[in-house]
């Protein structure tokens, strides 16, 4: 089983007042709790939406083995590769 430890780093971001108001309006109208949540989600989309799944994983997902779980070492390797692709390490 893999557990994630989430540590937050605070940053300061300067944006124009107009952009801030537009982002705040968008966040409110699209179900975000606040503008911070909206900005985090926008960053996640930019970072993670362009990741590609390796062909061997796609083949496993489309096989009869798709109902099996990865071993701990396979899971750790997969997580490491995703983090490297997202430049988190």
PDB file of N, CA and C in Angstrom:
ATOM      1  N   UNK A   1       0.846  -1.169   0.000  1.00  0.00           N
ATOM      2  CA  UNK A   1       0.000   0.000   0.000  1.00  0.00           C
ATOM      3  C   UNK A   1       0.898   1.240   0.000  1.00  0.00           C
ATOM      4  N   UNK A   2       0.526   2.231  -0.790  1.00  0.00           N
ATOM      5  CA  UNK A   2       1.304   3.456  -0.876  1.00  0.00           C
ATOM      6  C   UNK A   2       0.559   4.578  -0.167  1.00  0.00           C
ATOM      7  N   UNK A   3       1.246   5.256   0.742  1.00  0.00           N
ATOM      8  CA  UNK A   3       0.670   6.403   1.431  1.00  0.00           C
ATOM      9  C   UNK A   3       1.408   7.652   0.969  1.00  0.00           C
ATOM     10  N   UNK A   4       0.713   8.727   0.820  1.00  0.00           N
ATOM     11  CA  UNK A   4       1.309   9.975   0.385  1.00  0.00           C
ATOM     12  C   UNK A   4       1.345  10.958   1.544  1.00  0.00           C
ATOM     13  N   UNK A   5       2.464  11.589   1.688  1.00  0.00           N
ATOM     14  CA  UNK A   5       2.599  12.638   2.684  1.00  0.00           C
ATOM     15  C   UNK A   5       2.542  13.962   1.942  1.00  0.00           C
ATOM     16  N   UNK A   6       1.571  14.767   2.252  1.00  0.00           N
ATOM     17  CA  UNK A   6       1.404  16.031   1.545  1.00  0.00           C
ATOM     18  C   UNK A   6       1.940  17.160   2.407  1.00  0.00           C
ATOM     19  N   UNK A   7       3.000  17.755   1.921  1.00  0.00           N
ATOM     20  CA  UNK A   7       3.563  18.915   2.600  1.00  0.00           C
ATOM     21  C   UNK A   7       3.306  20.110   1.692  1.00  0.00           C
ATOM     22  N   UNK A   8       2.843  21.173   2.245  1.00  0.00           N
ATOM     23  CA  UNK A   8       2.521  22.350   1.455  1.00  0.00           C
ATOM     24  C   UNK A   8       3.614  23.394   1.594  1.00  0.00           C
ATOM     25  N   UNK A   9       3.919  24.015   0.481  1.00  0.00           N
ATOM     26  CA  UNK A   9       4.838  25.138   0.458  1.00  0.00           C
ATOM     27  C   UNK A   9       4.044  26.363   0.054  1.00  0.00           C
ATOM     28  N   UNK A  10       4.157  27.409   0.795  1.00  0.00           N
ATOM     29  CA  UNK A  10       3.435  28.633   0.497  1.00  0.00           C
ATOM     30  C   UNK A  10       4.252  29.472  -0.472  1.00  0.00           C
ATOM     31  N   UNK A  11       3.566  30.044  -1.469  1.00  0.00           N
ATOM     32  CA  UNK A  11       4.224  30.936  -2.414  1.00  0.00           C
ATOM     33  C   UNK A  11       3.469  32.255  -2.453  1.00  0.00           C
ATOM     34  N   UNK A  12       4.132  33.263  -2.961  1.00  0.00           N
ATOM     35  CA  UNK A  12       3.501  34.557  -3.157  1.00  0.00           C
ATOM     36  C   UNK A  12       3.404  34.781  -4.660  1.00  0.00           C
ATOM     37  N   UNK A  13       2.244  35.193  -5.117  1.00  0.00           N
ATOM     38  CA  UNK A  13       2.005  35.375  -6.539  1.00  0.00           C
ATOM     39  C   UNK A  13       1.397  36.750  -6.781  1.00  0.00           C
ATOM     40  N   UNK A  14       2.033  37.526  -7.617  1.00  0.00           N
ATOM     41  CA  UNK A  14       1.490  38.852  -7.938  1.00  0.00           C
ATOM     42  C   UNK A  14       0.801  38.801  -9.298  1.00  0.00           C
ATOM     43  N   UNK A  15      -0.451  39.238  -9.308  1.00  0.00           N
ATOM     44  CA  UNK A  15      -1.214  39.332 -10.553  1.00  0.00           C
ATOM     45  C   UNK A  15      -1.958  40.664 -10.544  1.00  0.00           C
ATOM     46  N   UNK A  16      -2.362  41.084 -11.726  1.00  0.00           N
ATOM     47  CA  UNK A  16      -3.075  42.360 -11.795  1.00  0.00           C
ATOM     48  C   UNK A  16      -4.423  42.243 -11.094  1.00  0.00           C
ATOM     49  N   UNK A  17      -4.952  43.355 -10.649  1.00  0.00           N
ATOM     50  CA  UNK A  17      -6.245  43.366  -9.959  1.00  0.00           C
ATOM     51  C   UNK A  17      -7.347  42.831 -10.874  1.00  0.00           C
ATOM     52  N   UNK A  18      -7.307  43.205 -12.149  1.00  0.00           N
ATOM     53  CA  UNK A  18      -8.309  42.740 -13.103  1.00  0.00           C
ATOM     54  C   UNK A  18      -8.266  41.214 -13.242  1.00  0.00           C
ATOM     55  N   UNK A  19      -7.053  40.676 -13.392  1.00  0.00           N
ATOM     56  CA  UNK A  19      -6.904  39.226 -13.514  1.00  0.00           C
ATOM     57  C   UNK A  19      -7.373  38.532 -12.236  1.00  0.00           C
ATOM     58  N   UNK A  20      -7.035  39.097 -11.088  1.00  0.00           N
ATOM     59  CA  UNK A  20      -7.466  38.548  -9.804  1.00  0.00           C
ATOM     60  C   UNK A  20      -8.990  38.493  -9.726  1.00  0.00           C
ATOM     61  N   UNK A  21      -9.657  39.576 -10.107  1.00  0.00           N
ATOM     62  CA  UNK A  21     -11.120  39.619 -10.052  1.00  0.00           C
ATOM     63  C   UNK A  21     -11.742  38.598 -11.004  1.00  0.00           C
ATOM     64  N   UNK A  22     -11.157  38.467 -12.192  1.00  0.00           N
ATOM     65  CA  UNK A  22     -11.662  37.478 -13.150  1.00  0.00           C
ATOM     66  C   UNK A  22     -11.489  36.056 -12.614  1.00  0.00           C
ATOM     67  N   UNK A  23     -10.324  35.763 -12.035  1.00  0.00           N
ATOM     68  CA  UNK A  23     -10.052  34.439 -11.468  1.00  0.00           C
ATOM     69  C   UNK A  23     -10.989  34.164 -10.294  1.00  0.00           C
ATOM     70  N   UNK A  24     -11.195  35.158  -9.450  1.00  0.00           N
ATOM     71  CA  UNK A  24     -12.088  35.027  -8.299  1.00  0.00           C
ATOM     72  C   UNK A  24     -13.520  34.742  -8.765  1.00  0.00           C
ATOM     73  N   UNK A  25     -13.968  35.467  -9.783  1.00  0.00           N
ATOM     74  CA  UNK A  25     -15.300  35.275 -10.352  1.00  0.00           C
ATOM     75  C   UNK A  25     -15.429  33.863 -10.932  1.00  0.00           C
ATOM     76  N   UNK A  26     -14.405  33.431 -11.686  1.00  0.00           N
ATOM     77  CA  UNK A  26     -14.425  32.095 -12.282  1.00  0.00           C
ATOM     78  C   UNK A  26     -14.485  31.033 -11.186  1.00  0.00           C
ATOM     79  N   UNK A  27     -13.650  31.184 -10.167  1.00  0.00           N
ATOM     80  CA  UNK A  27     -13.610  30.213  -9.074  1.00  0.00           C
ATOM     81  C   UNK A  27     -14.975  30.086  -8.404  1.00  0.00           C
ATOM     82  N   UNK A  28     -15.590  31.219  -8.105  1.00  0.00           N
ATOM     83  CA  UNK A  28     -16.901  31.227  -7.437  1.00  0.00           C
ATOM     84  C   UNK A  28     -17.972  30.574  -8.305  1.00  0.00           C
ATOM     85  N   UNK A  29     -17.961  30.871  -9.591  1.00  0.00           N
ATOM     86  CA  UNK A  29     -18.996  30.370 -10.495  1.00  0.00           C
ATOM     87  C   UNK A  29     -18.778  28.926 -10.943  1.00  0.00           C
ATOM     88  N   UNK A  30     -17.612  28.365 -10.646  1.00  0.00           N
ATOM     89  CA  UNK A  30     -17.326  27.011 -11.098  1.00  0.00           C
ATOM     90  C   UNK A  30     -17.073  26.042  -9.948  1.00  0.00           C
ATOM     91  N   UNK A  31     -17.573  26.379  -8.759  1.00  0.00           N
ATOM     92  CA  UNK A  31     -17.588  25.444  -7.655  1.00  0.00           C
ATOM     93  C   UNK A  31     -16.307  25.309  -6.857  1.00  0.00           C
ATOM     94  N   UNK A  32     -15.352  26.208  -7.059  1.00  0.00           N
ATOM     95  CA  UNK A  32     -14.136  26.164  -6.257  1.00  0.00           C
ATOM     96  C   UNK A  32     -14.406  26.851  -4.923  1.00  0.00           C
ATOM     97  N   UNK A  33     -13.784  26.337  -3.862  1.00  0.00           N
ATOM     98  CA  UNK A  33     -13.980  26.931  -2.545  1.00  0.00           C
ATOM     99  C   UNK A  33     -13.400  28.336  -2.469  1.00  0.00           C
ATOM    100  N   UNK A  34     -12.289  28.541  -3.192  1.00  0.00           N
ATOM    101  CA  UNK A  34     -11.620  29.838  -3.187  1.00  0.00           C
ATOM    102  C   UNK A  34     -10.681  29.929  -4.386  1.00  0.00           C
ATOM    103  N   UNK A  35     -10.064  31.063  -4.573  1.00  0.00           N
ATOM    104  CA  UNK A  35      -9.185  31.261  -5.720  1.00  0.00           C
ATOM    105  C   UNK A  35      -7.930  30.386  -5.620  1.00  0.00           C
ATOM    106  N   UNK A  36      -7.471  30.107  -4.399  1.00  0.00           N
ATOM    107  CA  UNK A  36      -6.289  29.254  -4.231  1.00  0.00           C
ATOM    108  C   UNK A  36      -6.556  27.859  -4.780  1.00  0.00           C
ATOM    109  N   UNK A  37      -7.725  27.319  -4.471  1.00  0.00           N
ATOM    110  CA  UNK A  37      -8.085  25.992  -4.972  1.00  0.00           C
ATOM    111  C   UNK A  37      -8.135  26.007  -6.502  1.00  0.00           C
ATOM    112  N   UNK A  38      -8.688  27.055  -7.068  1.00  0.00           N
ATOM    113  CA  UNK A  38      -8.762  27.186  -8.525  1.00  0.00           C
ATOM    114  C   UNK A  38      -7.364  27.244  -9.154  1.00  0.00           C
ATOM    115  N   UNK A  39      -6.471  28.034  -8.585  1.00  0.00           N
ATOM    116  CA  UNK A  39      -5.113  28.167  -9.117  1.00  0.00           C
ATOM    117  C   UNK A  39      -4.370  26.836  -9.007  1.00  0.00           C
ATOM    118  N   UNK A  40      -4.517  26.134  -7.886  1.00  0.00           N
ATOM    119  CA  UNK A  40      -3.870  24.819  -7.730  1.00  0.00           C
ATOM    120  C   UNK A  40      -4.373  23.840  -8.794  1.00  0.00           C
ATOM    121  N   UNK A  41      -5.679  23.826  -9.032  1.00  0.00           N
ATOM    122  CA  UNK A  41      -6.251  22.925 -10.023  1.00  0.00           C
ATOM    123  C   UNK A  41      -5.754  23.277 -11.424  1.00  0.00           C
ATOM    124  N   UNK A  42      -5.663  24.551 -11.740  1.00  0.00           N
ATOM    125  CA  UNK A  42      -5.155  24.973 -13.053  1.00  0.00           C
ATOM    126  C   UNK A  42      -3.708  24.516 -13.238  1.00  0.00           C
ATOM    127  N   UNK A  43      -2.901  24.625 -12.200  1.00  0.00           N
ATOM    128  CA  UNK A  43      -1.507  24.181 -12.265  1.00  0.00           C
ATOM    129  C   UNK A  43      -1.439  22.664 -12.435  1.00  0.00           C
ATOM    130  N   UNK A  44      -2.274  21.927 -11.690  1.00  0.00           N
ATOM    131  CA  UNK A  44      -2.297  20.465 -11.831  1.00  0.00           C
ATOM    132  C   UNK A  44      -2.618  20.054 -13.256  1.00  0.00           C
ATOM    133  N   UNK A  45      -3.611  20.710 -13.850  1.00  0.00           N
ATOM    134  CA  UNK A  45      -3.980  20.385 -15.225  1.00  0.00           C
ATOM    135  C   UNK A  45      -2.808  20.602 -16.176  1.00  0.00           C
ATOM    136  N   UNK A  46      -2.103  21.695 -16.029  1.00  0.00           N
ATOM    137  CA  UNK A  46      -0.949  21.980 -16.885  1.00  0.00           C
ATOM    138  C   UNK A  46       0.146  20.945 -16.697  1.00  0.00           C
ATOM    139  N   UNK A  47       0.397  20.548 -15.454  1.00  0.00           N
ATOM    140  CA  UNK A  47       1.492  19.619 -15.169  1.00  0.00           C
ATOM    141  C   UNK A  47       1.144  18.183 -15.556  1.00  0.00           C
ATOM    142  N   UNK A  48      -0.030  17.717 -15.172  1.00  0.00           N
ATOM    143  CA  UNK A  48      -0.334  16.304 -15.304  1.00  0.00           C
ATOM    144  C   UNK A  48      -1.116  15.908 -16.549  1.00  0.00           C
ATOM    145  N   UNK A  49      -1.775  16.808 -17.242  1.00  0.00           N
ATOM    146  CA  UNK A  49      -2.573  16.423 -18.404  1.00  0.00           C
ATOM    147  C   UNK A  49      -1.737  15.994 -19.598  1.00  0.00           C
ATOM    148  N   UNK A  50      -0.480  16.389 -19.649  1.00  0.00           N
ATOM    149  CA  UNK A  50       0.350  16.032 -20.790  1.00  0.00           C
ATOM    150  C   UNK A  50       1.167  14.764 -20.563  1.00  0.00           C
ATOM    151  N   UNK A  51       0.984  14.117 -19.429  1.00  0.00           N
ATOM    152  CA  UNK A  51       1.719  12.885 -19.164  1.00  0.00           C
ATOM    153  C   UNK A  51       1.184  11.772 -20.048  1.00  0.00           C
ATOM    154  N   UNK A  52       2.089  10.955 -20.540  1.00  0.00           N
ATOM    155  CA  UNK A  52       1.689   9.826 -21.367  1.00  0.00           C
ATOM    156  C   UNK A  52       1.862   8.544 -20.569  1.00  0.00           C
ATOM    157  N   UNK A  53       0.981   7.603 -20.808  1.00  0.00           N
ATOM    158  CA  UNK A  53       1.068   6.308 -20.144  1.00  0.00           C
ATOM    159  C   UNK A  53       1.909   5.389 -21.023  1.00  0.00           C
ATOM    160  N   UNK A  54       2.880   4.734 -20.390  1.00  0.00           N
ATOM    161  CA  UNK A  54       3.744   3.824 -21.149  1.00  0.00           C
ATOM    162  C   UNK A  54       2.913   2.727 -21.801  1.00  0.00           C
ATOM    163  N   UNK A  55       3.350   2.297 -22.986  1.00  0.00           N
ATOM    164  CA  UNK A  55       2.635   1.275 -23.746  1.00  0.00           C
ATOM    165  C   UNK A  55       2.427  -0.004 -22.939  1.00  0.00           C
ATOM    166  N   UNK A  56       3.423  -0.406 -22.158  1.00  0.00           N
ATOM    167  CA  UNK A  56       3.286  -1.647 -21.377  1.00  0.00           C
ATOM    168  C   UNK A  56       2.174  -1.537 -20.335  1.00  0.00           C
ATOM    169  N   UNK A  57       1.950  -0.329 -19.791  1.00  0.00           N
ATOM    170  CA  UNK A  57       0.854  -0.143 -18.839  1.00  0.00           C
ATOM    171  C   UNK A  57      -0.494  -0.171 -19.558  1.00  0.00           C
ATOM    172  N   UNK A  58      -0.542   0.420 -20.748  1.00  0.00           N
ATOM    173  CA  UNK A  58      -1.785   0.381 -21.525  1.00  0.00           C
ATOM    174  C   UNK A  58      -2.140  -1.052 -21.887  1.00  0.00           C
ATOM    175  N   UNK A  59      -1.133  -1.826 -22.271  1.00  0.00           N
ATOM    176  CA  UNK A  59      -1.378  -3.227 -22.619  1.00  0.00           C
ATOM    177  C   UNK A  59      -1.889  -4.000 -21.404  1.00  0.00           C
ATOM    178  N   UNK A  60      -1.302  -3.725 -20.243  1.00  0.00           N
ATOM    179  CA  UNK A  60      -1.758  -4.412 -19.018  1.00  0.00           C
ATOM    180  C   UNK A  60      -3.194  -4.008 -18.692  1.00  0.00           C
ATOM    181  N   UNK A  61      -3.519  -2.721 -18.833  1.00  0.00           N
ATOM    182  CA  UNK A  61      -4.883  -2.256 -18.540  1.00  0.00           C
ATOM    183  C   UNK A  61      -5.908  -2.895 -19.466  1.00  0.00           C
ATOM    184  N   UNK A  62      -5.509  -3.162 -20.703  1.00  0.00           N
ATOM    185  CA  UNK A  62      -6.428  -3.747 -21.677  1.00  0.00           C
ATOM    186  C   UNK A  62      -6.407  -5.272 -21.673  1.00  0.00           C
ATOM    187  N   UNK A  63      -5.659  -5.874 -20.775  1.00  0.00           N
ATOM    188  CA  UNK A  63      -5.561  -7.337 -20.713  1.00  0.00           C
ATOM    189  C   UNK A  63      -6.438  -7.886 -19.594  1.00  0.00           C
ATOM    190  N   UNK A  64      -6.437  -9.203 -19.486  1.00  0.00           N
ATOM    191  CA  UNK A  64      -7.186  -9.849 -18.406  1.00  0.00           C
ATOM    192  C   UNK A  64      -6.504  -9.625 -17.064  1.00  0.00           C
ATOM    193  N   UNK A  65      -5.242  -9.181 -17.071  1.00  0.00           N
ATOM    194  CA  UNK A  65      -4.520  -8.888 -15.838  1.00  0.00           C
ATOM    195  C   UNK A  65      -4.920  -7.540 -15.238  1.00  0.00           C
ATOM    196  N   UNK A  66      -5.807  -6.833 -15.890  1.00  0.00           N
ATOM    197  CA  UNK A  66      -6.171  -5.480 -15.454  1.00  0.00           C
ATOM    198  C   UNK A  66      -6.796  -5.466 -14.068  1.00  0.00           C
ATOM    199  N   UNK A  67      -7.281  -6.571 -13.606  1.00  0.00           N
ATOM    200  CA  UNK A  67      -7.884  -6.603 -12.275  1.00  0.00           C
ATOM    201  C   UNK A  67      -6.858  -6.877 -11.183  1.00  0.00           C
ATOM    202  N   UNK A  68      -5.593  -7.096 -11.566  1.00  0.00           N
ATOM    203  CA  UNK A  68      -4.558  -7.343 -10.568  1.00  0.00           C
ATOM    204  C   UNK A  68      -3.909  -6.033 -10.170  1.00  0.00           C
ATOM    205  N   UNK A  69      -3.304  -6.016  -8.993  1.00  0.00           N
ATOM    206  CA  UNK A  69      -2.645  -4.821  -8.494  1.00  0.00           C
ATOM    207  C   UNK A  69      -1.152  -4.902  -8.769  1.00  0.00           C
ATOM    208  N   UNK A  70      -0.512  -3.752  -8.852  1.00  0.00           N
ATOM    209  CA  UNK A  70       0.935  -3.712  -8.969  1.00  0.00           C
ATOM    210  C   UNK A  70       1.558  -4.121  -7.645  1.00  0.00           C
ATOM    211  N   UNK A  71       2.724  -4.729  -7.713  1.00  0.00           N
ATOM    212  CA  UNK A  71       3.443  -5.022  -6.480  1.00  0.00           C
ATOM    213  C   UNK A  71       3.914  -3.698  -5.892  1.00  0.00           C
ATOM    214  N   UNK A  72       4.370  -3.723  -4.641  1.00  0.00           N
ATOM    215  CA  UNK A  72       4.869  -2.496  -4.028  1.00  0.00           C
ATOM    216  C   UNK A  72       6.015  -1.895  -4.823  1.00  0.00           C
ATOM    217  N   UNK A  73       6.936  -2.747  -5.286  1.00  0.00           N
ATOM    218  CA  UNK A  73       8.082  -2.215  -6.042  1.00  0.00           C
ATOM    219  C   UNK A  73       7.632  -1.641  -7.382  1.00  0.00           C
ATOM    220  N   UNK A  74       6.690  -2.306  -8.066  1.00  0.00           N
ATOM    221  CA  UNK A  74       6.168  -1.781  -9.332  1.00  0.00           C
ATOM    222  C   UNK A  74       5.435  -0.460  -9.103  1.00  0.00           C
ATOM    223  N   UNK A  75       4.660  -0.411  -8.023  1.00  0.00           N
ATOM    224  CA  UNK A  75       3.930   0.810  -7.692  1.00  0.00           C
ATOM    225  C   UNK A  75       4.885   1.962  -7.400  1.00  0.00           C
ATOM    226  N   UNK A  76       5.936   1.674  -6.639  1.00  0.00           N
ATOM    227  CA  UNK A  76       6.931   2.705  -6.325  1.00  0.00           C
ATOM    228  C   UNK A  76       7.640   3.188  -7.585  1.00  0.00           C
ATOM    229  N   UNK A  77       7.987   2.265  -8.469  1.00  0.00           N
ATOM    230  CA  UNK A  77       8.654   2.634  -9.724  1.00  0.00           C
ATOM    231  C   UNK A  77       7.732   3.494 -10.595  1.00  0.00           C
ATOM    232  N   UNK A  78       6.463   3.108 -10.673  1.00  0.00           N
ATOM    233  CA  UNK A  78       5.490   3.866 -11.457  1.00  0.00           C
ATOM    234  C   UNK A  78       5.328   5.281 -10.901  1.00  0.00           C
ATOM    235  N   UNK A  79       5.222   5.394  -9.585  1.00  0.00           N
ATOM    236  CA  UNK A  79       5.093   6.708  -8.948  1.00  0.00           C
ATOM    237  C   UNK A  79       6.337   7.557  -9.215  1.00  0.00           C
ATOM    238  N   UNK A  80       7.507   6.947  -9.124  1.00  0.00           N
ATOM    239  CA  UNK A  80       8.762   7.654  -9.377  1.00  0.00           C
ATOM    240  C   UNK A  80       8.801   8.192 -10.812  1.00  0.00           C
ATOM    241  N   UNK A  81       8.396   7.372 -11.760  1.00  0.00           N
ATOM    242  CA  UNK A  81       8.384   7.798 -13.168  1.00  0.00           C
ATOM    243  C   UNK A  81       7.413   8.960 -13.389  1.00  0.00           C
ATOM    244  N   UNK A  82       6.238   8.891 -12.766  1.00  0.00           N
ATOM    245  CA  UNK A  82       5.270   9.986 -12.906  1.00  0.00           C
ATOM    246  C   UNK A  82       5.832  11.280 -12.317  1.00  0.00           C
ATOM    247  N   UNK A  83       6.465  11.175 -11.151  1.00  0.00           N
ATOM    248  CA  UNK A  83       7.050  12.352 -10.534  1.00  0.00           C
ATOM    249  C   UNK A  83       8.172  12.939 -11.376  1.00  0.00           C
ATOM    250  N   UNK A  84       8.983  12.068 -11.956  1.00  0.00           N
ATOM    251  CA  UNK A  84      10.055  12.555 -12.824  1.00  0.00           C
ATOM    252  C   UNK A  84       9.496  13.264 -14.043  1.00  0.00           C
ATOM    253  N   UNK A  85       8.449  12.692 -14.632  1.00  0.00           N
ATOM    254  CA  UNK A  85       7.834  13.322 -15.800  1.00  0.00           C
ATOM    255  C   UNK A  85       7.213  14.666 -15.451  1.00  0.00           C
ATOM    256  N   UNK A  86       6.712  14.769 -14.238  1.00  0.00           N
ATOM    257  CA  UNK A  86       6.116  16.029 -13.783  1.00  0.00           C
ATOM    258  C   UNK A  86       7.170  16.940 -13.169  1.00  0.00           C
ATOM    259  N   UNK A  87       8.407  16.489 -13.157  1.00  0.00           N
ATOM    260  CA  UNK A  87       9.541  17.234 -12.628  1.00  0.00           C
ATOM    261  C   UNK A  87       9.340  17.587 -11.160  1.00  0.00           C
ATOM    262  N   UNK A  88       8.792  16.642 -10.397  1.00  0.00           N
ATOM    263  CA  UNK A  88       8.570  16.867  -8.977  1.00  0.00           C
ATOM    264  C   UNK A  88       9.748  16.411  -8.140  1.00  0.00           C
ATOM    265  N   UNK A  89      10.674  15.680  -8.744  1.00  0.00           N
ATOM    266  CA  UNK A  89      11.858  15.230  -7.999  1.00  0.00           C
ATOM    267  C   UNK A  89      13.094  15.874  -8.568  1.00  0.00           C
TER     268      UNK A  89
END
